[in-house]
Amino acid sequence: MLRNGLEPWHLLIVAIVVIVVIVLFGSKRLPDTARSLGRSMRILRSEAKALKEEGSADAAPGEQPRPATPVDPL
């Protein structure tokens, strides 16, 4: 029985046990986790959109970017 280590049906049993543990102990946390993931995705999308709009506003057509004026040390 242990000569080949994990045979295919052993992996099936391990997978079933893992699924049962997730269902029993993780079912209360799944809605909260999904909700926080959705909020994070929404924030990420809005920040990316703001950066994209900021970048397009900085590079308006017809304007040349000016180099920063050097500050003379005292």
Foldseek 3Di string as FASTA:
>chain_A
DPPVPDDVVNVVVVVVVVVVCCVVPVPVVVVVVVVVVVVVVVVVVVVVVVVVVVVPVVCDPPDDDDDDDDDDDD
